[in-house]
Amino acid sequence: MTKYVPLALLATVATLAIIPQAVFAAEANQQVREPAGSVSAPSANSVTVGKMLYGLDGHRITSIYRVAANGDAQIIIDGRLLTVPAASLSTSTGKVVTSLTKTEINHR
């Protein structure tokens, strides 16, 4: 019985090393999906996971962690998952810009 312990331990470690990579790869491919019959800003389709989010003043806020089905961008600031409404998002010269300040996002 003890001769199978190293093999079982190796299989467990290999499984735990592969699963997080598969989960993160699936999250990295998320994009904004428009619900049927909805109207959104023309620039909403360029909001994707990993893009940097900028304020109106041009300063970086943080990168986009996830994009909800309704187009809201989810970001992480100070360890908190925060949502930036799709209505406040636009693109300017290929950058994702929000009309909210970092303070306004933190206090939502």
C-alpha atoms as a PDB file:
ATOM      1  CA  MET A   1       0.000   0.000   0.000  1.00  0.00           C
ATOM      2  CA  THR A   2       2.791   2.438   0.862  1.00  0.00           C
ATOM      3  CA  LYS A   3       4.424   1.957  -2.527  1.00  0.00           C
ATOM      4  CA  TYR A   4       1.411   3.688  -4.177  1.00  0.00           C
ATOM      5  CA  VAL A   5       1.576   6.797  -1.966  1.00  0.00           C
ATOM      6  CA  PRO A   6       4.258   8.583  -4.071  1.00  0.00           C
ATOM      7  CA  LEU A   7       2.310   7.829  -7.249  1.00  0.00           C
ATOM      8  CA  ALA A   8      -0.935   9.152  -5.742  1.00  0.00           C
ATOM      9  CA  LEU A   9       0.869  12.273  -4.500  1.00  0.00           C
ATOM     10  CA  LEU A  10       2.371  12.896  -7.943  1.00  0.00           C
ATOM     11  CA  ALA A  11      -1.038  12.501  -9.619  1.00  0.00           C
ATOM     12  CA  THR A  12      -2.614  14.939  -7.138  1.00  0.00           C
ATOM     13  CA  VAL A  13       0.076  17.575  -7.672  1.00  0.00           C
ATOM     14  CA  ALA A  14      -0.155  17.251 -11.456  1.00  0.00           C
ATOM     15  CA  THR A  15      -3.946  17.633 -11.354  1.00  0.00           C
ATOM     16  CA  LEU A  16      -3.769  20.711  -9.114  1.00  0.00           C
ATOM     17  CA  ALA A  17      -1.180  22.276 -11.424  1.00  0.00           C
ATOM     18  CA  ILE A  18      -3.329  21.860 -14.548  1.00  0.00           C
ATOM     19  CA  ILE A  19      -6.787  22.900 -13.278  1.00  0.00           C
ATOM     20  CA  PRO A  20      -5.995  26.577 -12.428  1.00  0.00           C
ATOM     21  CA  GLN A  21      -4.406  27.073 -15.852  1.00  0.00           C
ATOM     22  CA  ALA A  22      -7.559  25.841 -17.576  1.00  0.00           C
ATOM     23  CA  VAL A  23      -9.759  28.130 -15.453  1.00  0.00           C
ATOM     24  CA  PHE A  24      -7.640  31.223 -16.090  1.00  0.00           C
ATOM     25  CA  ALA A  25      -7.443  30.474 -19.808  1.00  0.00           C
ATOM     26  CA  ALA A  26     -11.249  30.380 -19.965  1.00  0.00           C
ATOM     27  CA  GLU A  27     -11.515  33.729 -18.136  1.00  0.00           C
ATOM     28  CA  ALA A  28      -8.953  35.372 -20.414  1.00  0.00           C
ATOM     29  CA  ASN A  29     -11.138  34.685 -23.447  1.00  0.00           C
ATOM     30  CA  GLN A  30     -14.205  36.491 -22.093  1.00  0.00           C
ATOM     31  CA  GLN A  31     -15.514  39.338 -24.189  1.00  0.00           C
ATOM     32  CA  VAL A  32     -18.528  41.568 -24.077  1.00  0.00           C
ATOM     33  CA  ARG A  33     -21.563  39.757 -25.392  1.00  0.00           C
ATOM     34  CA  GLU A  34     -24.580  41.770 -26.330  1.00  0.00           C
ATOM     35  CA  PRO A  35     -27.909  40.310 -25.159  1.00  0.00           C
ATOM     36  CA  ALA A  36     -30.403  39.874 -27.980  1.00  0.00           C
ATOM     37  CA  GLY A  37     -32.401  43.007 -28.684  1.00  0.00           C
ATOM     38  CA  SER A  38     -30.323  45.300 -26.511  1.00  0.00           C
ATOM     39  CA  VAL A  39     -28.759  48.556 -27.543  1.00  0.00           C
ATOM     40  CA  SER A  40     -25.258  49.400 -26.354  1.00  0.00           C
ATOM     41  CA  ALA A  41     -22.632  51.986 -27.075  1.00  0.00           C
ATOM     42  CA  PRO A  42     -20.811  51.286 -30.333  1.00  0.00           C
ATOM     43  CA  SER A  43     -17.501  51.008 -28.508  1.00  0.00           C
ATOM     44  CA  ALA A  44     -18.692  48.376 -26.020  1.00  0.00           C
ATOM     45  CA  ASN A  45     -17.408  45.500 -28.152  1.00  0.00           C
ATOM     46  CA  SER A  46     -13.818  46.659 -27.637  1.00  0.00           C
ATOM     47  CA  VAL A  47     -14.024  46.231 -23.849  1.00  0.00           C
ATOM     48  CA  THR A  48     -12.126  43.007 -23.205  1.00  0.00           C
ATOM     49  CA  VAL A  49     -10.467  41.247 -20.333  1.00  0.00           C
ATOM     50  CA  GLY A  50      -6.925  42.426 -19.673  1.00  0.00           C
ATOM     51  CA  LYS A  51      -7.251  45.865 -21.276  1.00  0.00           C
ATOM     52  CA  MET A  52      -6.232  48.812 -19.154  1.00  0.00           C
ATOM     53  CA  LEU A  53      -9.042  51.045 -17.851  1.00  0.00           C
ATOM     54  CA  TYR A  54      -8.323  54.778 -17.961  1.00  0.00           C
ATOM     55  CA  GLY A  55     -10.023  57.757 -16.346  1.00  0.00           C
ATOM     56  CA  LEU A  56     -11.122  60.815 -18.317  1.00  0.00           C
ATOM     57  CA  ASP A  57      -7.899  62.560 -17.307  1.00  0.00           C
ATOM     58  CA  GLY A  58      -5.869  59.851 -19.058  1.00  0.00           C
ATOM     59  CA  HIS A  59      -4.510  58.241 -15.890  1.00  0.00           C
ATOM     60  CA  ARG A  60      -4.555  54.462 -15.612  1.00  0.00           C
ATOM     61  CA  ILE A  61      -6.980  53.045 -13.082  1.00  0.00           C
ATOM     62  CA  THR A  62      -6.399  49.285 -13.403  1.00  0.00           C
ATOM     63  CA  SER A  63      -6.800  46.441 -15.875  1.00  0.00           C
ATOM     64  CA  ILE A  64     -10.182  44.886 -16.591  1.00  0.00           C
ATOM     65  CA  TYR A  65     -10.526  41.593 -14.730  1.00  0.00           C
ATOM     66  CA  ARG A  66     -13.808  40.373 -16.200  1.00  0.00           C
ATOM     67  CA  VAL A  67     -16.579  41.606 -18.482  1.00  0.00           C
ATOM     68  CA  ALA A  68     -20.154  40.772 -17.475  1.00  0.00           C
ATOM     69  CA  ALA A  69     -22.736  39.659 -20.015  1.00  0.00           C
ATOM     70  CA  ASN A  70     -24.382  43.097 -19.845  1.00  0.00           C
ATOM     71  CA  GLY A  71     -21.092  44.836 -20.689  1.00  0.00           C
ATOM     72  CA  ASP A  72     -20.160  45.980 -17.180  1.00  0.00           C
ATOM     73  CA  ALA A  73     -16.409  45.833 -16.565  1.00  0.00           C
ATOM     74  CA  GLN A  74     -15.268  44.224 -13.340  1.00  0.00           C
ATOM     75  CA  ILE A  75     -11.973  45.387 -11.869  1.00  0.00           C
ATOM     76  CA  ILE A  76      -9.971  44.685  -8.752  1.00  0.00           C
ATOM     77  CA  ILE A  77      -8.812  47.620  -6.641  1.00  0.00           C
ATOM     78  CA  ASP A  78      -7.220  47.101  -3.220  1.00  0.00           C
ATOM     79  CA  GLY A  79      -8.316  43.452  -3.228  1.00  0.00           C
ATOM     80  CA  ARG A  80     -11.980  44.295  -3.870  1.00  0.00           C
ATOM     81  CA  LEU A  81     -13.939  43.250  -6.947  1.00  0.00           C
ATOM     82  CA  LEU A  82     -15.711  46.368  -8.231  1.00  0.00           C
ATOM     83  CA  THR A  83     -18.100  46.868 -11.134  1.00  0.00           C
ATOM     84  CA  VAL A  84     -17.863  49.740 -13.612  1.00  0.00           C
ATOM     85  CA  PRO A  85     -21.198  50.220 -15.410  1.00  0.00           C
ATOM     86  CA  ALA A  86     -21.168  49.746 -19.168  1.00  0.00           C
ATOM     87  CA  ALA A  87     -22.922  53.107 -19.559  1.00  0.00           C
ATOM     88  CA  SER A  88     -19.820  54.862 -18.218  1.00  0.00           C
ATOM     89  CA  LEU A  89     -17.425  53.092 -20.605  1.00  0.00           C
ATOM     90  CA  SER A  90     -16.214  54.305 -23.982  1.00  0.00           C
ATOM     91  CA  THR A  91     -13.128  53.998 -26.137  1.00  0.00           C
ATOM     92  CA  SER A  92     -10.747  56.732 -27.103  1.00  0.00           C
ATOM     93  CA  THR A  93      -7.809  56.036 -29.411  1.00  0.00           C
ATOM     94  CA  GLY A  94      -8.122  52.322 -28.666  1.00  0.00           C
ATOM     95  CA  LYS A  95      -8.164  52.793 -24.876  1.00  0.00           C
ATOM     96  CA  VAL A  96     -11.080  51.887 -22.625  1.00  0.00           C
ATOM     97  CA  VAL A  97     -12.107  55.051 -20.761  1.00  0.00           C
ATOM     98  CA  THR A  98     -14.634  55.487 -17.952  1.00  0.00           C
ATOM     99  CA  SER A  99     -16.436  58.686 -17.054  1.00  0.00           C
ATOM    100  CA  LEU A 100     -16.102  57.750 -13.359  1.00  0.00           C
ATOM    101  CA  THR A 101     -13.136  58.607 -11.178  1.00  0.00           C
ATOM    102  CA  LYS A 102     -11.303  55.966  -9.178  1.00  0.00           C
ATOM    103  CA  THR A 103     -12.860  57.410  -6.003  1.00  0.00           C
ATOM    104  CA  GLU A 104     -16.374  57.161  -7.487  1.00  0.00           C
ATOM    105  CA  ILE A 105     -15.739  53.546  -8.452  1.00  0.00           C
ATOM    106  CA  ASN A 106     -14.484  52.727  -4.946  1.00  0.00           C
ATOM    107  CA  HIS A 107     -17.570  54.187  -3.311  1.00  0.00           C
ATOM    108  CA  ARG A 108     -20.167  52.445  -5.493  1.00  0.00           C
END
